[in-house]
Amino acid sequence: MPDAALLARLAEAVEANFDKEVAFLADLVRFPSTRGNEAPLQDWMARQMAARGYGVDRYTLAEVPLPAHPKASPMVDVGPQNSVQVVATHRAANPTGRSLILQGHIDVVPEGPAEMWTYPPYGATIRDGWMYGRGAHDMKSGVAAMVFAMDALKAAGLAPAADVHVQTVTEEESTGNGALSTLVRGYRAEAALITEPTGGTITRAHTGTLWFRIKVRGVPVHVMEAQVGTNAILSAYHLIQALQAHTAAQNEAAKADPWYAAIESPLKFNPGIIRGGDWASSTPAWCEVDCRIGLLPGTEVAEAQAGVERCIAAAAKGDNFLANNPPVVEWHGFLADGYVLEPGSEAEAVLAAAHEQVFGRAMEARVSTAVNDTRFYGRYFGIPGLCYGPKGEGAHAFDERTNLEQLKKTTLSIAAFIADWCGTRPLAASGG
């Protein structure tokens, strides 16, 4: 771990730069970087990193052969040419340390009705030590932390003694294809740190996620004779109830899982978007429901998909109309495996030591019932995937916010981790 003198230099640098870090985070939050709309922020990010002296690779998903990779997820509603990725690389001349990927996603989920927020969702409002805004917590605070952790080393007159790739990606909230694209493009390191807002814990495991769309058709009639037609919305509701029962059964089985046994109902099912019908006085002829369901680490994606399809088919057979007019299931986003970061990696030990130095307490582990990008690094490419970052509240909710004091300490913790993992050398001797 860094000695006390080095940690003090890094702490002084983080403190001196912190007003700039908060302003940087505010700028990030002010970009409404919802899915398909990330390019303006990524272009700004590319300029920010180029100005810091990094070699910058800006590319779109259309420039990477993602469809050929077995773990790419289908992008039905957004074209890959609209999804911009940025990799900013510090190259160490004659590297002597261990290389590192620092990664964060800049896509955010939709904000919903703005009038239901206390503060404007893209206003980056600061109150009582918290910054409010969509993405402030999930996960632009982590992006600010990793960028300014690297800045802290530079301000302290140091540079990593190994290559560091600072990556900002998209699609984390929908497919994970942004993270996968960086690996398909050839970026590798001896560890990857994803600075998701974990509140200073390490994510030991995350569940997988499937996205699918159920399409139901019906026979429209005037509502005055509804008994002779069908109602596609009610038919869809019948299928939703069946999927709720399917998920309950999966959660019973999860009680035997070594990582998730202690968590109540770790596999979550959510009908998240519903569209249907054309007229209030006509029985709806169509309905589409976009759904999300979880799966345990170790469950194959294809197995989980088959379970969903069997559930829907069985429920359809129990409905007089659907039995002869089966619904269609369309897979249109996440086809994501779960992942377990097995205890005992050297990268985790170095991060734990840095955390304890800064926070004065041991780094705790958590298991997550949501997915993150570590699976790509750890499960598919043999790169330890660490997920650790700042503290906040309200991911995907109204009044999302991040704690600024925790952001400062986390920035220092990450800087200390980089210094120990990569090693340091005086800036003048660092290379490009």
Protein backbone atom coordinates (compact mmCIF):
# COMPACT_ATOMS: atom_id res chain seq x y z
CA MET A 1 0.00 0.00 0.00
CA PRO A 2 1.15 3.61 -0.47
CA ASP A 3 3.25 4.88 2.42
CA ALA A 4 1.91 7.65 4.63
CA ALA A 5 3.87 10.35 2.80
CA LEU A 6 2.51 9.34 -0.59
CA LEU A 7 -1.03 9.07 0.74
CA ALA A 8 -0.70 12.55 2.21
CA ARG A 9 0.48 13.92 -1.17
CA LEU A 10 -2.49 12.30 -2.89
CA ALA A 11 -4.92 13.58 -0.26
CA GLU A 12 -3.57 17.11 -0.69
CA ALA A 13 -4.01 16.81 -4.45
CA VAL A 14 -7.58 15.48 -4.19
CA GLU A 15 -8.48 18.29 -1.80
CA ALA A 16 -6.94 20.96 -4.02
CA ASN A 17 -8.81 19.66 -7.08
CA PHE A 18 -12.11 18.90 -5.42
CA ASP A 19 -13.96 22.05 -6.47
CA LYS A 20 -12.97 21.20 -10.05
CA GLU A 21 -14.15 17.63 -9.54
CA VAL A 22 -17.56 18.80 -8.33
CA ALA A 23 -17.83 21.16 -11.29
CA PHE A 24 -16.81 18.31 -13.63
CA LEU A 25 -19.51 16.08 -12.13
CA ALA A 26 -22.07 18.86 -12.50
CA ASP A 27 -21.16 19.17 -16.17
CA LEU A 28 -21.61 15.41 -16.58
CA VAL A 29 -25.04 15.50 -14.95
CA ARG A 30 -26.24 18.38 -17.12
CA PHE A 31 -25.94 16.19 -20.23
CA PRO A 32 -29.22 14.24 -20.64
CA SER A 33 -27.33 11.16 -21.77
CA THR A 34 -30.25 8.76 -22.10
CA ARG A 35 -29.97 5.80 -24.44
CA GLY A 36 -29.18 6.91 -27.98
CA ASN A 37 -28.40 10.45 -26.82
CA GLU A 38 -24.95 9.92 -25.32
CA ALA A 39 -22.82 11.28 -28.18
CA PRO A 40 -22.70 14.95 -27.03
CA LEU A 41 -21.43 13.89 -23.61
CA GLN A 42 -18.95 11.41 -25.06
CA ASP A 43 -17.60 14.06 -27.45
CA TRP A 44 -17.16 16.41 -24.48
CA MET A 45 -15.50 13.60 -22.54
CA ALA A 46 -13.09 12.90 -25.41
CA ARG A 47 -12.05 16.57 -25.43
CA GLN A 48 -11.61 16.59 -21.66
CA MET A 49 -9.32 13.58 -21.74
CA ALA A 50 -7.35 14.78 -24.76
CA ALA A 51 -6.72 18.06 -22.94
CA ARG A 52 -5.25 16.02 -20.07
CA GLY A 53 -2.75 14.42 -22.44
CA TYR A 54 -4.31 10.99 -22.92
CA GLY A 55 -4.38 9.17 -26.22
CA VAL A 56 -8.09 9.13 -27.04
CA ASP A 57 -9.99 6.52 -29.03
CA ARG A 58 -13.54 7.64 -29.86
CA TYR A 59 -15.59 5.12 -31.80
CA THR A 60 -19.14 3.87 -32.25
CA LEU A 61 -20.48 0.37 -31.75
CA ALA A 62 -20.99 0.17 -35.52
CA GLU A 63 -17.18 0.18 -35.88
CA VAL A 64 -16.72 -2.99 -33.81
CA PRO A 65 -17.71 -6.53 -34.90
CA LEU A 66 -20.00 -7.00 -31.91
CA PRO A 67 -22.61 -9.22 -33.61
CA ALA A 68 -19.94 -11.89 -34.04
CA HIS A 69 -19.36 -12.12 -30.29
CA PRO A 70 -21.50 -14.73 -28.49
CA LYS A 71 -22.06 -12.45 -25.48
CA ALA A 72 -23.28 -9.41 -27.40
CA SER A 73 -26.91 -8.51 -26.68
CA PRO A 74 -29.44 -7.51 -29.34
CA MET A 75 -30.00 -3.77 -29.83
CA VAL A 76 -33.52 -3.54 -31.24
CA ASP A 77 -34.48 0.05 -30.53
CA VAL A 78 -31.17 1.95 -30.91
CA GLY A 79 -28.75 1.79 -33.81
CA PRO A 80 -25.12 0.97 -32.97
CA GLN A 81 -23.95 3.95 -35.04
CA ASN A 82 -25.52 6.22 -32.40
CA SER A 83 -23.68 4.65 -29.47
CA VAL A 84 -20.31 6.34 -28.86
CA GLN A 85 -17.52 4.93 -26.68
CA VAL A 86 -14.40 6.69 -25.39
CA VAL A 87 -11.14 5.08 -24.27
CA ALA A 88 -8.44 7.44 -22.96
CA THR A 89 -5.08 5.75 -22.51
CA HIS A 90 -2.07 6.64 -20.39
CA ARG A 91 0.92 4.82 -21.88
CA ALA A 92 3.86 4.21 -19.59
CA ALA A 93 7.28 4.14 -21.22
CA ASN A 94 8.98 0.85 -20.25
CA PRO A 95 6.19 -0.12 -17.84
CA THR A 96 7.20 -1.70 -14.56
CA GLY A 97 3.83 -1.83 -12.78
CA ARG A 98 0.58 -3.67 -13.40
CA SER A 99 -1.83 -2.37 -16.03
CA LEU A 100 -5.35 -1.23 -15.21
CA ILE A 101 -8.71 -0.49 -16.77
CA LEU A 102 -10.83 2.19 -15.09
CA GLN A 103 -14.36 2.05 -16.48
CA GLY A 104 -17.63 3.86 -15.98
CA HIS A 105 -20.85 4.15 -17.94
CA ILE A 106 -22.29 7.54 -18.87
CA ASP A 107 -25.71 6.40 -20.08
CA VAL A 108 -28.61 7.14 -17.76
CA VAL A 109 -32.17 5.88 -17.52
CA PRO A 110 -35.04 8.25 -18.41
CA GLU A 111 -35.87 10.82 -15.76
CA GLY A 112 -39.67 10.44 -15.87
CA PRO A 113 -41.95 13.42 -15.19
CA ALA A 114 -39.71 16.36 -14.28
CA GLU A 115 -42.42 17.86 -12.05
CA MET A 116 -42.06 14.86 -9.74
CA TRP A 117 -38.47 15.83 -8.89
CA THR A 118 -37.68 18.22 -6.05
CA TYR A 119 -34.91 19.73 -8.17
CA PRO A 120 -34.56 19.73 -11.99
CA PRO A 121 -33.36 16.26 -13.05
CA TYR A 122 -30.47 17.67 -15.10
CA GLY A 123 -29.78 20.68 -12.91
CA ALA A 124 -26.93 19.22 -10.81
CA THR A 125 -28.35 21.04 -7.78
CA ILE A 126 -26.22 20.94 -4.61
CA ARG A 127 -27.94 20.97 -1.22
CA ASP A 128 -26.51 20.03 2.18
CA GLY A 129 -23.53 18.16 0.79
CA TRP A 130 -25.44 16.22 -1.86
CA MET A 131 -25.65 16.71 -5.62
CA TYR A 132 -29.04 15.93 -7.15
CA GLY A 133 -29.71 14.85 -10.71
CA ARG A 134 -30.28 11.95 -13.02
CA GLY A 135 -27.02 10.03 -13.20
CA ALA A 136 -25.40 11.90 -10.31
CA HIS A 137 -25.46 8.63 -8.37
CA ASP A 138 -25.66 6.02 -11.16
CA MET A 139 -22.91 6.47 -12.15
CA LYS A 140 -21.45 9.81 -13.12
CA SER A 141 -20.05 10.27 -9.61
CA GLY A 142 -17.93 7.18 -10.22
CA VAL A 143 -16.76 8.57 -13.57
CA ALA A 144 -15.69 11.80 -11.84
CA ALA A 145 -13.90 9.78 -9.14
CA MET A 146 -11.83 7.74 -11.56
CA VAL A 147 -10.89 10.73 -13.73
CA PHE A 148 -9.87 12.84 -10.74
CA ALA A 149 -8.05 9.97 -9.06
CA MET A 150 -5.77 9.98 -12.10
CA ASP A 151 -5.64 13.78 -11.92
CA ALA A 152 -4.54 13.52 -8.28
CA LEU A 153 -1.50 11.47 -9.22
CA LYS A 154 -0.55 14.04 -11.85
CA ALA A 155 -1.06 16.93 -9.42
CA ALA A 156 1.21 15.10 -6.96
CA GLY A 157 3.92 14.99 -9.65
CA LEU A 158 3.45 11.29 -10.37
CA ALA A 159 2.24 9.04 -13.15
CA PRO A 160 1.26 5.36 -13.15
CA ALA A 161 4.21 3.11 -13.99
CA ALA A 162 1.95 0.96 -16.18
CA ASP A 163 -0.66 1.48 -18.87
CA VAL A 164 -4.06 2.73 -17.71
CA HIS A 165 -7.15 2.77 -19.93
CA VAL A 166 -9.82 5.20 -18.70
CA GLN A 167 -13.05 4.14 -20.40
CA THR A 168 -16.47 5.77 -20.58
CA VAL A 169 -19.03 3.47 -22.14
CA THR A 170 -22.71 3.35 -23.04
CA GLU A 171 -25.34 0.59 -23.03
CA GLU A 172 -24.64 -0.45 -19.44
CA GLU A 173 -28.30 0.15 -18.61
CA SER A 174 -29.61 -1.91 -21.53
CA THR A 175 -27.16 -4.44 -23.04
CA GLY A 176 -23.60 -4.06 -21.76
CA ASN A 177 -22.40 -3.84 -25.35
CA GLY A 178 -20.35 -0.72 -24.63
CA ALA A 179 -18.09 -2.53 -22.16
CA LEU A 180 -17.90 -5.59 -24.40
CA SER A 181 -16.90 -3.41 -27.36
CA THR A 182 -13.77 -2.18 -25.57
CA LEU A 183 -12.62 -5.77 -25.13
CA VAL A 184 -13.51 -6.74 -28.68
CA ARG A 185 -11.52 -3.68 -29.79
CA GLY A 186 -8.50 -5.13 -28.01
CA TYR A 187 -8.14 -3.26 -24.71
CA ARG A 188 -6.72 -5.46 -21.96
CA ALA A 189 -5.21 -5.00 -18.51
CA GLU A 190 -4.26 -7.00 -15.45
CA ALA A 191 -7.27 -5.69 -13.52
CA ALA A 192 -10.42 -3.68 -14.18
CA LEU A 193 -12.04 -1.32 -11.70
CA ILE A 194 -15.61 -0.26 -12.46
CA THR A 195 -16.48 2.68 -10.24
CA GLU A 196 -20.19 2.00 -9.78
CA PRO A 197 -21.71 3.66 -6.69
CA THR A 198 -21.31 0.86 -4.16
CA GLY A 199 -20.91 3.06 -1.09
CA GLY A 200 -17.33 1.91 -0.53
CA THR A 201 -18.11 -1.81 -0.71
CA ILE A 202 -16.83 -4.37 -3.19
CA THR A 203 -19.44 -6.16 -5.27
CA ARG A 204 -18.86 -9.85 -4.64
CA ALA A 205 -21.54 -11.06 -7.03
CA HIS A 206 -24.23 -9.77 -9.34
CA THR A 207 -27.23 -11.49 -10.88
CA GLY A 208 -27.75 -11.72 -14.61
CA THR A 209 -30.52 -9.93 -16.48
CA LEU A 210 -32.78 -10.72 -19.43
CA TRP A 211 -34.89 -8.22 -21.34
CA PHE A 212 -37.79 -9.41 -23.47
CA ARG A 213 -40.92 -8.10 -25.13
CA ILE A 214 -44.21 -10.01 -25.10
CA LYS A 215 -46.42 -9.29 -28.11
CA VAL A 216 -50.10 -10.19 -27.83
CA ARG A 217 -52.76 -9.83 -30.51
CA GLY A 218 -56.52 -9.85 -30.12
CA VAL A 219 -59.88 -9.38 -31.87
CA PRO A 220 -61.21 -5.83 -31.54
CA VAL A 221 -64.91 -5.14 -31.19
CA HIS A 222 -67.03 -2.27 -29.94
CA VAL A 223 -66.99 -2.37 -26.18
CA MET A 224 -70.78 -2.75 -26.13
CA GLU A 225 -70.23 -6.35 -27.29
CA ALA A 226 -66.91 -6.99 -25.59
CA GLN A 227 -67.98 -10.55 -24.81
CA VAL A 228 -67.58 -11.59 -28.45
CA GLY A 229 -64.12 -10.05 -28.91
CA THR A 230 -60.88 -10.25 -26.95
CA ASN A 231 -58.85 -7.81 -24.89
CA ALA A 232 -55.12 -7.99 -25.63
CA ILE A 233 -54.25 -5.94 -22.54
CA LEU A 234 -56.07 -8.39 -20.25
CA SER A 235 -54.43 -11.29 -22.07
CA ALA A 236 -51.03 -9.69 -21.46
CA TYR A 237 -51.90 -9.25 -17.78
CA HIS A 238 -52.63 -12.99 -17.62
CA LEU A 239 -49.10 -13.65 -18.89
CA ILE A 240 -47.59 -11.18 -16.41
CA GLN A 241 -49.23 -13.04 -13.54
CA ALA A 242 -47.77 -16.30 -14.83
CA LEU A 243 -44.30 -14.75 -14.95
CA GLN A 244 -44.71 -13.51 -11.38
CA ALA A 245 -45.41 -17.09 -10.29
CA HIS A 246 -42.44 -18.32 -12.35
CA THR A 247 -40.16 -15.83 -10.61
CA ALA A 248 -41.44 -16.87 -7.19
CA ALA A 249 -40.51 -20.47 -8.00
CA GLN A 250 -37.06 -19.38 -9.16
CA ASN A 251 -36.56 -17.50 -5.90
CA GLU A 252 -37.45 -20.61 -3.92
CA ALA A 253 -34.67 -22.43 -5.75
CA ALA A 254 -32.31 -19.52 -5.06
CA LYS A 255 -32.45 -20.35 -1.34
CA ALA A 256 -29.85 -23.03 -2.06
CA ASP A 257 -27.45 -20.67 -3.84
CA PRO A 258 -24.17 -20.06 -1.95
CA TRP A 259 -24.18 -16.32 -2.63
CA TYR A 260 -27.88 -15.45 -2.68
CA ALA A 261 -29.42 -17.78 -0.09
CA ALA A 262 -29.54 -15.03 2.54
CA ILE A 263 -31.21 -12.47 0.27
CA GLU A 264 -34.98 -12.45 0.09
CA SER A 265 -36.25 -12.87 -3.48
CA PRO A 266 -32.96 -12.00 -5.21
CA LEU A 267 -34.38 -12.59 -8.70
CA LYS A 268 -36.52 -9.67 -9.73
CA PHE A 269 -39.20 -9.63 -12.42
CA ASN A 270 -40.47 -6.31 -13.70
CA PRO A 271 -43.01 -5.49 -16.42
CA GLY A 272 -41.49 -2.09 -17.11
CA ILE A 273 -43.25 -0.71 -20.22
CA ILE A 274 -46.71 -1.45 -21.57
CA ARG A 275 -48.24 -0.31 -24.85
CA GLY A 276 -51.54 -1.36 -26.30
CA GLY A 277 -54.88 -0.56 -27.83
CA ASP A 278 -56.06 2.23 -30.08
CA TRP A 279 -59.38 3.43 -28.65
CA ALA A 280 -61.02 3.52 -25.22
CA SER A 281 -64.32 2.17 -26.60
CA SER A 282 -62.73 -0.66 -28.60
CA THR A 283 -61.35 -3.82 -27.07
CA PRO A 284 -57.59 -3.62 -27.69
CA ALA A 285 -56.33 -5.62 -30.65
CA TRP A 286 -52.72 -5.53 -29.52
CA CYS A 287 -50.52 -5.18 -26.47
CA GLU A 288 -46.77 -5.22 -25.97
CA VAL A 289 -45.05 -5.50 -22.59
CA ASP A 290 -41.32 -4.94 -22.09
CA CYS A 291 -40.06 -7.04 -19.19
CA ARG A 292 -36.92 -7.66 -17.17
CA ILE A 293 -36.10 -10.79 -15.18
CA GLY A 294 -33.02 -11.84 -13.23
CA LEU A 295 -30.99 -15.05 -13.18
CA LEU A 296 -28.43 -16.41 -10.74
CA PRO A 297 -24.70 -16.58 -11.47
CA GLY A 298 -24.09 -20.02 -12.92
CA THR A 299 -27.46 -20.19 -14.68
CA GLU A 300 -26.96 -20.22 -18.43
CA VAL A 301 -28.70 -17.42 -20.31
CA ALA A 302 -30.20 -19.90 -22.76
CA GLU A 303 -31.60 -21.94 -19.86
CA ALA A 304 -33.22 -18.85 -18.32
CA GLN A 305 -34.64 -17.82 -21.71
CA ALA A 306 -36.13 -21.26 -22.19
CA GLY A 307 -37.75 -21.06 -18.76
CA VAL A 308 -39.42 -17.77 -19.63
CA GLU A 309 -40.64 -19.10 -22.97
CA ARG A 310 -42.03 -22.27 -21.35
CA CYS A 311 -43.84 -20.21 -18.73
CA ILE A 312 -45.48 -17.97 -21.35
CA ALA A 313 -46.41 -20.91 -23.57
CA ALA A 314 -48.00 -22.79 -20.66
CA ALA A 315 -49.97 -19.73 -19.58
CA ALA A 316 -51.16 -19.16 -23.15
CA LYS A 317 -52.49 -22.73 -23.36
CA GLY A 318 -54.71 -21.98 -20.38
CA ASP A 319 -56.41 -19.08 -22.16
CA ASN A 320 -59.11 -19.85 -24.76
CA PHE A 321 -57.95 -17.17 -27.21
CA LEU A 322 -54.18 -17.31 -26.62
CA ALA A 323 -54.16 -21.10 -27.00
CA ASN A 324 -54.92 -20.64 -30.69
CA ASN A 325 -53.18 -17.27 -31.08
CA PRO A 326 -49.92 -17.70 -29.16
CA PRO A 327 -48.05 -14.60 -28.02
CA VAL A 328 -44.62 -13.78 -29.44
CA VAL A 329 -41.56 -13.37 -27.21
CA GLU A 330 -38.87 -11.07 -28.60
CA TRP A 331 -35.45 -10.79 -26.93
CA HIS A 332 -34.38 -7.19 -27.32
CA GLY A 333 -31.74 -6.11 -24.80
CA PHE A 334 -29.82 -7.68 -21.93
CA LEU A 335 -28.84 -11.30 -22.36
CA ALA A 336 -26.51 -10.97 -19.40
CA ASP A 337 -24.88 -13.61 -17.26
CA GLY A 338 -24.35 -13.22 -13.56
CA TYR A 339 -20.82 -13.00 -12.18
CA VAL A 340 -18.99 -13.80 -8.95
CA LEU A 341 -15.71 -12.13 -8.05
CA GLU A 342 -14.17 -15.01 -6.15
CA PRO A 343 -12.43 -13.87 -2.96
CA GLY A 344 -8.66 -13.85 -2.82
CA SER A 345 -7.53 -11.96 -5.89
CA GLU A 346 -4.46 -9.75 -5.52
CA ALA A 347 -6.30 -6.85 -7.13
CA GLU A 348 -9.02 -7.00 -4.49
CA ALA A 349 -6.44 -7.16 -1.71
CA VAL A 350 -4.73 -4.01 -3.02
CA LEU A 351 -8.07 -2.19 -3.29
CA ALA A 352 -9.06 -3.32 0.21
CA ALA A 353 -5.81 -1.98 1.64
CA ALA A 354 -6.29 1.38 -0.08
CA HIS A 355 -9.87 1.61 1.16
CA GLU A 356 -8.85 0.83 4.74
CA GLN A 357 -6.08 3.44 4.62
CA VAL A 358 -8.51 6.15 3.54
CA PHE A 359 -11.69 5.19 5.40
CA GLY A 360 -10.14 3.68 8.52
CA ARG A 361 -12.25 0.52 8.28
CA ALA A 362 -12.24 -2.73 6.36
CA MET A 363 -13.82 -2.82 2.92
CA GLU A 364 -17.03 -4.82 3.14
CA ALA A 365 -18.47 -6.99 0.37
CA ARG A 366 -22.00 -6.96 -1.01
CA VAL A 367 -23.98 -9.08 -3.41
CA SER A 368 -26.16 -7.28 -5.94
CA THR A 369 -29.55 -8.18 -7.38
CA ALA A 370 -28.79 -6.05 -10.45
CA VAL A 371 -26.28 -6.50 -13.23
CA ASN A 372 -23.09 -4.52 -13.89
CA ASP A 373 -20.30 -4.68 -16.45
CA THR A 374 -17.77 -6.68 -14.41
CA ARG A 375 -18.95 -9.93 -16.01
CA PHE A 376 -17.27 -9.03 -19.29
CA TYR A 377 -13.85 -8.60 -17.72
CA GLY A 378 -13.94 -11.34 -15.11
CA ARG A 379 -16.10 -14.06 -16.64
CA TYR A 380 -15.16 -13.87 -20.31
CA PHE A 381 -11.67 -12.37 -20.47
CA GLY A 382 -9.99 -13.50 -17.24
CA ILE A 383 -9.44 -9.95 -15.94
CA PRO A 384 -10.37 -9.49 -12.26
CA GLY A 385 -13.48 -7.29 -12.34
CA LEU A 386 -13.67 -5.05 -9.28
CA CYS A 387 -16.81 -2.99 -8.72
CA TYR A 388 -16.28 -0.26 -6.11
CA GLY A 389 -17.24 3.39 -5.93
CA PRO A 390 -18.92 6.33 -4.17
CA LYS A 391 -22.07 6.56 -2.10
CA GLY A 392 -25.42 7.85 -3.24
CA GLU A 393 -29.14 7.23 -3.24
CA GLY A 394 -32.03 6.92 -5.65
CA ALA A 395 -30.66 5.00 -8.63
CA HIS A 396 -33.40 5.02 -11.31
CA ALA A 397 -35.61 7.02 -8.93
CA PHE A 398 -36.74 10.60 -8.45
CA ASP A 399 -34.33 12.88 -6.55
CA GLU A 400 -31.31 10.72 -7.33
CA ARG A 401 -28.30 12.12 -5.48
CA THR A 402 -24.66 11.52 -4.60
CA ASN A 403 -22.82 12.40 -1.39
CA LEU A 404 -19.96 14.81 -2.09
CA GLU A 405 -17.88 14.10 1.00
CA GLN A 406 -17.98 10.40 0.18
CA LEU A 407 -17.03 11.24 -3.40
CA LYS A 408 -13.89 13.00 -2.17
CA LYS A 409 -12.80 10.11 0.02
CA THR A 410 -13.55 7.56 -2.69
CA THR A 411 -11.48 9.56 -5.18
CA LEU A 412 -8.55 9.36 -2.76
CA SER A 413 -9.11 5.64 -2.20
CA ILE A 414 -9.04 4.99 -5.97
CA ALA A 415 -5.94 7.16 -6.36
CA ALA A 416 -4.20 5.14 -3.64
CA PHE A 417 -5.26 1.91 -5.36
CA ILE A 418 -3.88 3.10 -8.71
CA ALA A 419 -0.60 4.13 -7.07
CA ASP A 420 -0.17 0.73 -5.42
CA TRP A 421 -1.44 -1.46 -8.27
CA CYS A 422 0.30 0.31 -11.12
CA GLY A 423 3.25 1.72 -9.23
CA THR A 424 4.35 5.31 -9.75
CA ARG A 425 7.24 7.22 -11.17
CA PRO A 426 8.02 10.94 -11.36
CA LEU A 427 5.87 12.64 -13.95
CA ALA A 428 8.80 13.74 -16.13
CA ALA A 429 9.88 10.12 -16.54
CA SER A 430 6.39 8.69 -17.07
CA GLY A 431 6.16 8.56 -20.84
CA GLY A 432 3.03 9.48 -22.80
